[in-house]
Amino acid sequence: MEFISPTHGKLSFERMFKHIVDYMHEEPGQSYNVIIGTDSLLGDDTCFVTAVIIHRVGHGGRYFYHKFRNRKIESLRQRILYETSLSLETASQVSAQLAKNGFSELAVEIHLDVGDRGETKRIIREVVGMVQGSGYAAITKPDSYGASKVADRETGKLRLADRARVAA
């Protein structure tokens, strides 16, 4: 799986993880959270962006993202379920590496692109249950910036690129 860093460009999962560990070693006395969030963009197909964020609590953070295209998934419910499963898959990989490297106590949160308002309110309990049942903290809107801001930022860039391609 390939990740992209706004700072370092394209990275393997292993190199991304090394950057996360290096970032934590820069200031070892600080508190850190790992945040995973996925957003999707519906077009001719569905593009999914999963963000991995290392948050130095009170002092910003760094993020990496993975994107891929899949068949067009028009059902909002199906897209949200798929976004959640992608976040869980990534969280599982990150958690395993954290445990191998002595960071098993580090909090891992899954940020979901759902909230109590709008169309996603009908699925919120289901996806929160999926995440909590997998052993992770589930964060929803308006606090789920990993999905609703960071991953969405990268899907927004794809939206602009698609518009430019159509206009050309």
N, C-alpha and C. Protein backbone atom coordinates (compact mmCIF):
# COMPACT_ATOMS: atom_id res chain seq x y z
N MET A 1 0.85 -1.17 0.00
CA MET A 1 0.00 0.00 0.00
C MET A 1 0.90 1.24 0.00
N GLU A 2 0.60 2.17 -0.88
CA GLU A 2 1.40 3.39 -1.00
C GLU A 2 0.68 4.56 -0.34
N PHE A 3 1.43 5.34 0.41
CA PHE A 3 0.91 6.53 1.05
C PHE A 3 1.59 7.75 0.46
N ILE A 4 0.94 8.89 0.61
CA ILE A 4 1.49 10.15 0.14
C ILE A 4 1.61 11.08 1.33
N SER A 5 2.75 11.73 1.43
CA SER A 5 2.99 12.73 2.45
C SER A 5 3.11 14.08 1.75
N PRO A 6 2.41 15.11 2.22
CA PRO A 6 2.59 16.43 1.61
C PRO A 6 4.04 16.90 1.67
N THR A 7 4.80 16.41 2.65
CA THR A 7 6.20 16.80 2.83
C THR A 7 7.17 15.89 2.10
N HIS A 8 6.94 14.57 2.18
CA HIS A 8 7.92 13.60 1.70
C HIS A 8 7.52 12.88 0.41
N GLY A 9 6.35 13.15 -0.13
CA GLY A 9 5.93 12.51 -1.37
C GLY A 9 5.43 11.09 -1.14
N LYS A 10 5.64 10.23 -2.15
CA LYS A 10 5.14 8.85 -2.09
C LYS A 10 6.00 8.00 -1.16
N LEU A 11 5.32 7.22 -0.33
CA LEU A 11 6.00 6.39 0.67
C LEU A 11 5.33 5.02 0.76
N SER A 12 6.12 4.01 1.01
CA SER A 12 5.56 2.70 1.35
C SER A 12 4.96 2.80 2.75
N PHE A 13 4.17 1.80 3.12
CA PHE A 13 3.62 1.78 4.48
C PHE A 13 4.76 1.81 5.50
N GLU A 14 5.81 1.05 5.25
CA GLU A 14 6.93 0.97 6.19
C GLU A 14 7.62 2.32 6.35
N ARG A 15 7.82 3.03 5.25
CA ARG A 15 8.48 4.35 5.33
C ARG A 15 7.57 5.36 6.02
N MET A 16 6.26 5.29 5.74
CA MET A 16 5.33 6.18 6.42
C MET A 16 5.41 5.94 7.92
N PHE A 17 5.40 4.67 8.32
CA PHE A 17 5.46 4.35 9.74
C PHE A 17 6.76 4.86 10.36
N LYS A 18 7.85 4.74 9.65
CA LYS A 18 9.14 5.25 10.15
C LYS A 18 9.06 6.76 10.39
N HIS A 19 8.40 7.49 9.48
CA HIS A 19 8.24 8.94 9.68
C HIS A 19 7.40 9.23 10.92
N ILE A 20 6.39 8.40 11.17
CA ILE A 20 5.56 8.57 12.38
C ILE A 20 6.43 8.39 13.63
N VAL A 21 7.20 7.32 13.66
CA VAL A 21 8.07 7.04 14.82
C VAL A 21 9.11 8.15 14.99
N ASP A 22 9.72 8.56 13.88
CA ASP A 22 10.72 9.64 13.95
C ASP A 22 10.10 10.92 14.51
N TYR A 23 8.87 11.22 14.09
CA TYR A 23 8.17 12.41 14.57
C TYR A 23 7.96 12.33 16.09
N MET A 24 7.59 11.16 16.58
CA MET A 24 7.39 11.00 18.03
C MET A 24 8.72 11.09 18.78
N HIS A 25 9.79 10.60 18.18
CA HIS A 25 11.11 10.65 18.83
C HIS A 25 11.67 12.08 18.87
N GLU A 26 11.19 12.97 18.00
CA GLU A 26 11.64 14.37 18.04
C GLU A 26 11.32 15.02 19.38
N GLU A 27 10.15 14.70 19.94
CA GLU A 27 9.72 15.25 21.22
C GLU A 27 9.09 14.13 22.04
N PRO A 28 9.91 13.25 22.62
CA PRO A 28 9.39 12.07 23.30
C PRO A 28 8.55 12.36 24.55
N GLY A 29 8.66 13.51 25.13
CA GLY A 29 7.90 13.84 26.32
C GLY A 29 6.47 14.27 26.05
N GLN A 30 6.12 14.43 24.80
CA GLN A 30 4.78 14.89 24.43
C GLN A 30 3.79 13.73 24.37
N SER A 31 2.50 14.08 24.38
CA SER A 31 1.43 13.08 24.20
C SER A 31 1.07 13.02 22.72
N TYR A 32 0.77 11.81 22.24
CA TYR A 32 0.46 11.60 20.83
C TYR A 32 -0.80 10.76 20.68
N ASN A 33 -1.52 11.01 19.61
CA ASN A 33 -2.65 10.19 19.18
C ASN A 33 -2.43 9.83 17.72
N VAL A 34 -2.87 8.66 17.34
CA VAL A 34 -2.90 8.28 15.93
C VAL A 34 -4.37 8.32 15.52
N ILE A 35 -4.63 8.99 14.42
CA ILE A 35 -5.99 9.17 13.93
C ILE A 35 -6.07 8.63 12.52
N ILE A 36 -7.10 7.84 12.26
CA ILE A 36 -7.34 7.28 10.93
C ILE A 36 -8.72 7.75 10.50
N GLY A 37 -8.83 8.26 9.28
CA GLY A 37 -10.13 8.67 8.75
C GLY A 37 -10.17 8.50 7.26
N THR A 38 -11.34 8.14 6.74
CA THR A 38 -11.51 7.94 5.31
C THR A 38 -12.67 8.77 4.81
N ASP A 39 -12.51 9.33 3.62
CA ASP A 39 -13.57 10.06 2.93
C ASP A 39 -13.63 9.53 1.51
N SER A 40 -14.76 9.76 0.85
CA SER A 40 -14.90 9.30 -0.53
C SER A 40 -15.47 10.40 -1.41
N LEU A 41 -15.21 10.25 -2.69
CA LEU A 41 -15.69 11.19 -3.70
C LEU A 41 -16.36 10.37 -4.78
N LEU A 42 -17.62 10.68 -5.04
CA LEU A 42 -18.38 9.96 -6.05
C LEU A 42 -18.32 10.71 -7.37
N GLY A 43 -17.88 10.02 -8.40
CA GLY A 43 -17.83 10.56 -9.76
C GLY A 43 -18.20 9.45 -10.71
N ASP A 44 -17.44 9.29 -11.79
CA ASP A 44 -17.65 8.15 -12.69
C ASP A 44 -17.34 6.86 -11.96
N ASP A 45 -16.49 6.95 -10.96
CA ASP A 45 -16.17 5.85 -10.06
C ASP A 45 -16.21 6.44 -8.65
N THR A 46 -15.76 5.69 -7.67
CA THR A 46 -15.68 6.21 -6.31
C THR A 46 -14.22 6.23 -5.90
N CYS A 47 -13.74 7.40 -5.50
CA CYS A 47 -12.37 7.54 -5.03
C CYS A 47 -12.40 7.61 -3.51
N PHE A 48 -11.59 6.78 -2.88
CA PHE A 48 -11.48 6.74 -1.43
C PHE A 48 -10.12 7.27 -1.01
N VAL A 49 -10.10 8.10 0.02
CA VAL A 49 -8.86 8.62 0.58
C VAL A 49 -8.87 8.30 2.07
N THR A 50 -7.85 7.56 2.50
CA THR A 50 -7.68 7.24 3.92
C THR A 50 -6.48 8.02 4.44
N ALA A 51 -6.72 8.81 5.48
CA ALA A 51 -5.67 9.62 6.09
C ALA A 51 -5.18 8.95 7.38
N VAL A 52 -3.87 9.00 7.58
CA VAL A 52 -3.23 8.56 8.82
C VAL A 52 -2.57 9.80 9.40
N ILE A 53 -2.98 10.18 10.59
CA ILE A 53 -2.50 11.42 11.21
C ILE A 53 -1.80 11.08 12.52
N ILE A 54 -0.62 11.63 12.70
CA ILE A 54 0.04 11.55 14.00
C ILE A 54 -0.11 12.93 14.63
N HIS A 55 -0.87 12.99 15.72
CA HIS A 55 -1.21 14.25 16.37
C HIS A 55 -0.39 14.39 17.64
N ARG A 56 0.42 15.42 17.66
CA ARG A 56 1.16 15.77 18.88
C ARG A 56 0.22 16.69 19.64
N VAL A 57 -0.41 16.17 20.68
CA VAL A 57 -1.51 16.86 21.36
C VAL A 57 -1.09 18.26 21.78
N GLY A 58 -1.85 19.24 21.31
CA GLY A 58 -1.58 20.63 21.61
C GLY A 58 -0.51 21.27 20.75
N HIS A 59 0.08 20.50 19.84
CA HIS A 59 1.19 21.02 19.04
C HIS A 59 1.14 20.59 17.58
N GLY A 60 -0.05 20.37 17.04
CA GLY A 60 -0.16 20.04 15.61
C GLY A 60 0.10 18.58 15.31
N GLY A 61 0.52 18.32 14.10
CA GLY A 61 0.76 16.95 13.70
C GLY A 61 1.19 16.85 12.26
N ARG A 62 1.23 15.63 11.78
CA ARG A 62 1.57 15.34 10.38
C ARG A 62 0.58 14.33 9.85
N TYR A 63 0.36 14.35 8.54
CA TYR A 63 -0.55 13.37 7.99
C TYR A 63 0.00 12.76 6.71
N PHE A 64 -0.53 11.59 6.42
CA PHE A 64 -0.19 10.80 5.24
C PHE A 64 -1.53 10.29 4.71
N TYR A 65 -1.60 10.03 3.42
CA TYR A 65 -2.86 9.49 2.92
C TYR A 65 -2.63 8.49 1.80
N HIS A 66 -3.61 7.61 1.68
CA HIS A 66 -3.64 6.59 0.64
C HIS A 66 -4.92 6.82 -0.15
N LYS A 67 -4.83 6.78 -1.46
CA LYS A 67 -6.05 6.95 -2.25
C LYS A 67 -6.15 5.84 -3.29
N PHE A 68 -7.37 5.47 -3.57
CA PHE A 68 -7.59 4.52 -4.66
C PHE A 68 -9.01 4.66 -5.18
N ARG A 69 -9.18 4.22 -6.40
CA ARG A 69 -10.48 4.29 -7.06
C ARG A 69 -11.11 2.91 -7.09
N ASN A 70 -12.42 2.90 -6.97
CA ASN A 70 -13.20 1.67 -6.99
C ASN A 70 -14.41 1.91 -7.88
N ARG A 71 -15.16 0.87 -8.12
CA ARG A 71 -16.38 1.03 -8.92
C ARG A 71 -17.28 2.08 -8.27
N LYS A 72 -18.19 2.61 -9.05
CA LYS A 72 -19.10 3.64 -8.55
C LYS A 72 -20.04 3.02 -7.51
N ILE A 73 -20.03 3.58 -6.32
CA ILE A 73 -20.91 3.12 -5.24
C ILE A 73 -21.86 4.26 -4.93
N GLU A 74 -23.06 4.20 -5.48
CA GLU A 74 -24.01 5.30 -5.33
C GLU A 74 -24.69 5.34 -3.97
N SER A 75 -24.84 4.20 -3.34
CA SER A 75 -25.51 4.14 -2.04
C SER A 75 -24.62 4.78 -0.97
N LEU A 76 -25.15 5.83 -0.33
CA LEU A 76 -24.40 6.50 0.74
C LEU A 76 -24.08 5.51 1.86
N ARG A 77 -25.03 4.69 2.21
CA ARG A 77 -24.82 3.70 3.27
C ARG A 77 -23.65 2.78 2.93
N GLN A 78 -23.62 2.27 1.71
CA GLN A 78 -22.55 1.37 1.30
C GLN A 78 -21.20 2.09 1.30
N ARG A 79 -21.16 3.35 0.84
CA ARG A 79 -19.91 4.12 0.85
C ARG A 79 -19.40 4.33 2.26
N ILE A 80 -20.30 4.70 3.18
CA ILE A 80 -19.89 4.93 4.57
C ILE A 80 -19.39 3.63 5.20
N LEU A 81 -20.08 2.53 4.94
CA LEU A 81 -19.62 1.24 5.47
C LEU A 81 -18.24 0.89 4.91
N TYR A 82 -18.04 1.16 3.62
CA TYR A 82 -16.75 0.86 3.00
C TYR A 82 -15.66 1.78 3.56
N GLU A 83 -15.98 3.07 3.72
CA GLU A 83 -15.02 4.01 4.33
C GLU A 83 -14.61 3.50 5.71
N THR A 84 -15.58 3.05 6.48
CA THR A 84 -15.30 2.55 7.83
C THR A 84 -14.41 1.32 7.78
N SER A 85 -14.70 0.41 6.86
CA SER A 85 -13.87 -0.81 6.76
C SER A 85 -12.45 -0.48 6.32
N LEU A 86 -12.29 0.50 5.43
CA LEU A 86 -10.94 0.91 5.03
C LEU A 86 -10.17 1.52 6.20
N SER A 87 -10.85 2.33 6.99
CA SER A 87 -10.21 2.92 8.18
C SER A 87 -9.82 1.83 9.17
N LEU A 88 -10.70 0.86 9.37
CA LEU A 88 -10.40 -0.23 10.30
C LEU A 88 -9.22 -1.07 9.81
N GLU A 89 -9.18 -1.34 8.52
CA GLU A 89 -8.07 -2.11 7.95
C GLU A 89 -6.74 -1.39 8.16
N THR A 90 -6.73 -0.09 7.89
CA THR A 90 -5.52 0.70 8.07
C THR A 90 -5.14 0.78 9.55
N ALA A 91 -6.14 0.99 10.41
CA ALA A 91 -5.88 1.06 11.86
C ALA A 91 -5.28 -0.25 12.37
N SER A 92 -5.75 -1.35 11.84
CA SER A 92 -5.21 -2.65 12.25
C SER A 92 -3.73 -2.78 11.88
N GLN A 93 -3.38 -2.35 10.68
CA GLN A 93 -1.98 -2.39 10.25
C GLN A 93 -1.12 -1.47 11.09
N VAL A 94 -1.61 -0.25 11.32
CA VAL A 94 -0.85 0.73 12.11
C VAL A 94 -0.70 0.23 13.55
N SER A 95 -1.79 -0.27 14.13
CA SER A 95 -1.74 -0.77 15.52
C SER A 95 -0.75 -1.92 15.67
N ALA A 96 -0.71 -2.81 14.69
CA ALA A 96 0.23 -3.94 14.74
C ALA A 96 1.67 -3.43 14.73
N GLN A 97 1.95 -2.44 13.89
CA GLN A 97 3.31 -1.88 13.84
C GLN A 97 3.64 -1.12 15.12
N LEU A 98 2.65 -0.40 15.66
CA LEU A 98 2.88 0.30 16.93
C LEU A 98 3.25 -0.69 18.02
N ALA A 99 2.51 -1.79 18.10
CA ALA A 99 2.79 -2.81 19.13
C ALA A 99 4.17 -3.42 18.94
N LYS A 100 4.56 -3.70 17.70
CA LYS A 100 5.88 -4.28 17.42
C LYS A 100 7.01 -3.34 17.82
N ASN A 101 6.73 -2.04 17.79
CA ASN A 101 7.76 -1.05 18.04
C ASN A 101 7.67 -0.39 19.42
N GLY A 102 6.93 -1.02 20.33
CA GLY A 102 6.88 -0.53 21.70
C GLY A 102 5.92 0.61 21.96
N PHE A 103 4.96 0.82 21.06
CA PHE A 103 4.00 1.91 21.23
C PHE A 103 2.57 1.38 21.39
N SER A 104 2.42 0.22 22.00
CA SER A 104 1.09 -0.39 22.09
C SER A 104 0.11 0.43 22.93
N GLU A 105 0.60 1.31 23.79
CA GLU A 105 -0.27 2.13 24.63
C GLU A 105 -0.77 3.39 23.91
N LEU A 106 -0.26 3.65 22.72
CA LEU A 106 -0.64 4.85 21.98
C LEU A 106 -2.10 4.75 21.53
N ALA A 107 -2.87 5.79 21.80
CA ALA A 107 -4.29 5.80 21.43
C ALA A 107 -4.45 5.87 19.91
N VAL A 108 -5.32 5.02 19.38
CA VAL A 108 -5.66 5.04 17.96
C VAL A 108 -7.15 5.34 17.86
N GLU A 109 -7.48 6.42 17.16
CA GLU A 109 -8.87 6.81 16.98
C GLU A 109 -9.27 6.64 15.52
N ILE A 110 -10.52 6.24 15.30
CA ILE A 110 -11.08 6.19 13.96
C ILE A 110 -12.05 7.36 13.85
N HIS A 111 -11.80 8.25 12.93
CA HIS A 111 -12.68 9.39 12.69
C HIS A 111 -13.62 9.04 11.55
N LEU A 112 -14.91 9.11 11.84
CA LEU A 112 -15.95 8.71 10.90
C LEU A 112 -16.63 9.93 10.30
N ASP A 113 -16.92 9.84 9.02
CA ASP A 113 -17.56 10.95 8.31
C ASP A 113 -19.08 10.86 8.45
N VAL A 114 -19.54 10.73 9.70
CA VAL A 114 -20.97 10.64 10.00
C VAL A 114 -21.27 11.53 11.19
N GLY A 115 -22.55 11.94 11.29
CA GLY A 115 -22.94 12.79 12.40
C GLY A 115 -24.41 12.64 12.71
N ASP A 116 -24.86 13.36 13.73
CA ASP A 116 -26.25 13.31 14.17
C ASP A 116 -27.20 14.06 13.24
N ARG A 117 -26.65 14.79 12.31
CA ARG A 117 -27.47 15.57 11.38
C ARG A 117 -27.21 15.09 9.96
N GLY A 118 -28.15 15.34 9.09
CA GLY A 118 -27.96 14.98 7.69
C GLY A 118 -28.25 13.51 7.43
N GLU A 119 -27.91 13.09 6.22
CA GLU A 119 -28.24 11.74 5.77
C GLU A 119 -27.52 10.64 6.55
N THR A 120 -26.36 10.94 7.10
CA THR A 120 -25.57 9.89 7.76
C THR A 120 -26.08 9.53 9.15
N LYS A 121 -27.04 10.29 9.68
CA LYS A 121 -27.50 10.00 11.05
C LYS A 121 -28.15 8.62 11.15
N ARG A 122 -28.64 8.08 10.02
CA ARG A 122 -29.29 6.76 10.05
C ARG A 122 -28.29 5.62 10.21
N ILE A 123 -27.05 5.86 9.91
CA ILE A 123 -26.05 4.79 9.93
C ILE A 123 -25.04 4.96 11.07
N ILE A 124 -25.14 6.05 11.80
CA ILE A 124 -24.12 6.38 12.80
C ILE A 124 -23.94 5.26 13.84
N ARG A 125 -25.02 4.72 14.36
CA ARG A 125 -24.90 3.68 15.40
C ARG A 125 -24.21 2.43 14.86
N GLU A 126 -24.52 2.09 13.62
CA GLU A 126 -23.93 0.89 13.01
C GLU A 126 -22.42 1.01 12.86
N VAL A 127 -21.95 2.15 12.31
CA VAL A 127 -20.51 2.28 12.08
C VAL A 127 -19.75 2.52 13.39
N VAL A 128 -20.35 3.24 14.31
CA VAL A 128 -19.71 3.41 15.63
C VAL A 128 -19.57 2.05 16.30
N GLY A 129 -20.59 1.21 16.19
CA GLY A 129 -20.53 -0.15 16.74
C GLY A 129 -19.43 -0.99 16.09
N MET A 130 -19.28 -0.85 14.77
CA MET A 130 -18.21 -1.58 14.06
C MET A 130 -16.84 -1.20 14.63
N VAL A 131 -16.64 0.10 14.79
CA VAL A 131 -15.34 0.60 15.24
C VAL A 131 -15.08 0.21 16.70
N GLN A 132 -16.05 0.45 17.56
CA GLN A 132 -15.87 0.11 18.97
C GLN A 132 -15.73 -1.39 19.16
N GLY A 133 -16.46 -2.17 18.38
CA GLY A 133 -16.36 -3.62 18.45
C GLY A 133 -14.99 -4.13 18.02
N SER A 134 -14.28 -3.32 17.25
CA SER A 134 -12.93 -3.67 16.81
C SER A 134 -11.86 -3.16 17.78
N GLY A 135 -12.30 -2.49 18.85
CA GLY A 135 -11.37 -2.06 19.88
C GLY A 135 -10.81 -0.66 19.73
N TYR A 136 -11.40 0.15 18.86
CA TYR A 136 -10.91 1.51 18.64
C TYR A 136 -11.94 2.53 19.12
N ALA A 137 -11.46 3.72 19.41
CA ALA A 137 -12.35 4.83 19.74
C ALA A 137 -12.97 5.35 18.45
N ALA A 138 -14.27 5.56 18.45
CA ALA A 138 -14.99 6.08 17.28
C ALA A 138 -15.33 7.54 17.52
N ILE A 139 -14.87 8.41 16.63
CA ILE A 139 -15.13 9.84 16.74
C ILE A 139 -16.01 10.24 15.55
N THR A 140 -17.10 10.97 15.84
CA THR A 140 -18.03 11.39 14.79
C THR A 140 -18.04 12.91 14.66
N LYS A 141 -18.74 13.39 13.62
CA LYS A 141 -18.86 14.83 13.41
C LYS A 141 -19.56 15.45 14.62
N PRO A 142 -19.18 16.61 15.03
CA PRO A 142 -18.28 17.56 14.37
C PRO A 142 -16.81 17.38 14.75
N ASP A 143 -16.48 16.37 15.53
CA ASP A 143 -15.11 16.20 16.03
C ASP A 143 -14.23 15.28 15.18
N SER A 144 -14.76 14.75 14.11
CA SER A 144 -14.04 13.75 13.31
C SER A 144 -13.21 14.39 12.20
N TYR A 145 -12.32 15.28 12.57
CA TYR A 145 -11.55 16.02 11.58
C TYR A 145 -10.65 15.14 10.72
N GLY A 146 -10.29 13.97 11.19
CA GLY A 146 -9.47 13.06 10.39
C GLY A 146 -10.15 12.68 9.09
N ALA A 147 -11.47 12.50 9.15
CA ALA A 147 -12.25 12.16 7.95
C ALA A 147 -12.83 13.41 7.31
N SER A 148 -13.46 14.26 8.14
CA SER A 148 -14.22 15.38 7.57
C SER A 148 -13.38 16.58 7.18
N LYS A 149 -12.12 16.61 7.58
CA LYS A 149 -11.24 17.71 7.18
C LYS A 149 -10.01 17.21 6.42
N VAL A 150 -9.23 16.33 7.02
CA VAL A 150 -7.96 15.92 6.41
C VAL A 150 -8.20 15.06 5.17
N ALA A 151 -8.92 13.94 5.30
CA ALA A 151 -9.19 13.09 4.14
C ALA A 151 -10.03 13.85 3.11
N ASP A 152 -11.01 14.63 3.60
CA ASP A 152 -11.85 15.42 2.70
C ASP A 152 -11.03 16.43 1.91
N ARG A 153 -9.99 16.97 2.52
CA ARG A 153 -9.12 17.92 1.81
C ARG A 153 -8.51 17.27 0.57
N GLU A 154 -8.08 16.02 0.72
CA GLU A 154 -7.46 15.32 -0.41
C GLU A 154 -8.50 14.90 -1.45
N THR A 155 -9.71 14.53 -1.03
CA THR A 155 -10.74 14.24 -2.02
C THR A 155 -11.16 15.52 -2.73
N GLY A 156 -11.12 16.65 -2.03
CA GLY A 156 -11.41 17.94 -2.66
C GLY A 156 -10.42 18.27 -3.75
N LYS A 157 -9.15 17.95 -3.53
CA LYS A 157 -8.13 18.16 -4.57
C LYS A 157 -8.44 17.30 -5.79
N LEU A 158 -8.91 16.08 -5.55
CA LEU A 158 -9.28 15.20 -6.66
C LEU A 158 -10.47 15.78 -7.42
N ARG A 159 -11.42 16.35 -6.69
CA ARG A 159 -12.60 16.96 -7.30
C ARG A 159 -12.15 18.09 -8.24
N LEU A 160 -11.23 18.93 -7.79
CA LEU A 160 -10.73 20.02 -8.62
C LEU A 160 -9.98 19.50 -9.84
N ALA A 161 -9.18 18.45 -9.66
CA ALA A 161 -8.44 17.86 -10.78
C ALA A 161 -9.40 17.27 -11.81
N ASP A 162 -10.47 16.62 -11.35
CA ASP A 162 -11.46 16.05 -12.27
C ASP A 162 -12.15 17.16 -13.07
N ARG A 163 -12.49 18.27 -12.41
CA ARG A 163 -13.12 19.39 -13.11
C ARG A 163 -12.18 19.98 -14.16
N ALA A 164 -10.91 20.11 -13.83
CA ALA A 164 -9.93 20.65 -14.78
C ALA A 164 -9.78 19.73 -15.97
N ARG A 165 -9.81 18.42 -15.73
CA ARG A 165 -9.68 17.44 -16.81
C ARG A 165 -10.88 17.52 -17.75
N VAL A 166 -12.08 17.69 -17.20
CA VAL A 166 -13.30 17.79 -18.01
C VAL A 166 -13.28 19.08 -18.81
N ALA A 167 -12.80 20.17 -18.22
CA ALA A 167 -12.78 21.47 -18.89
C ALA A 167 -11.75 21.52 -20.02
N ALA A 168 -10.73 20.69 -19.95
CA ALA A 168 -9.64 20.72 -20.94
C ALA A 168 -10.02 20.14 -22.28
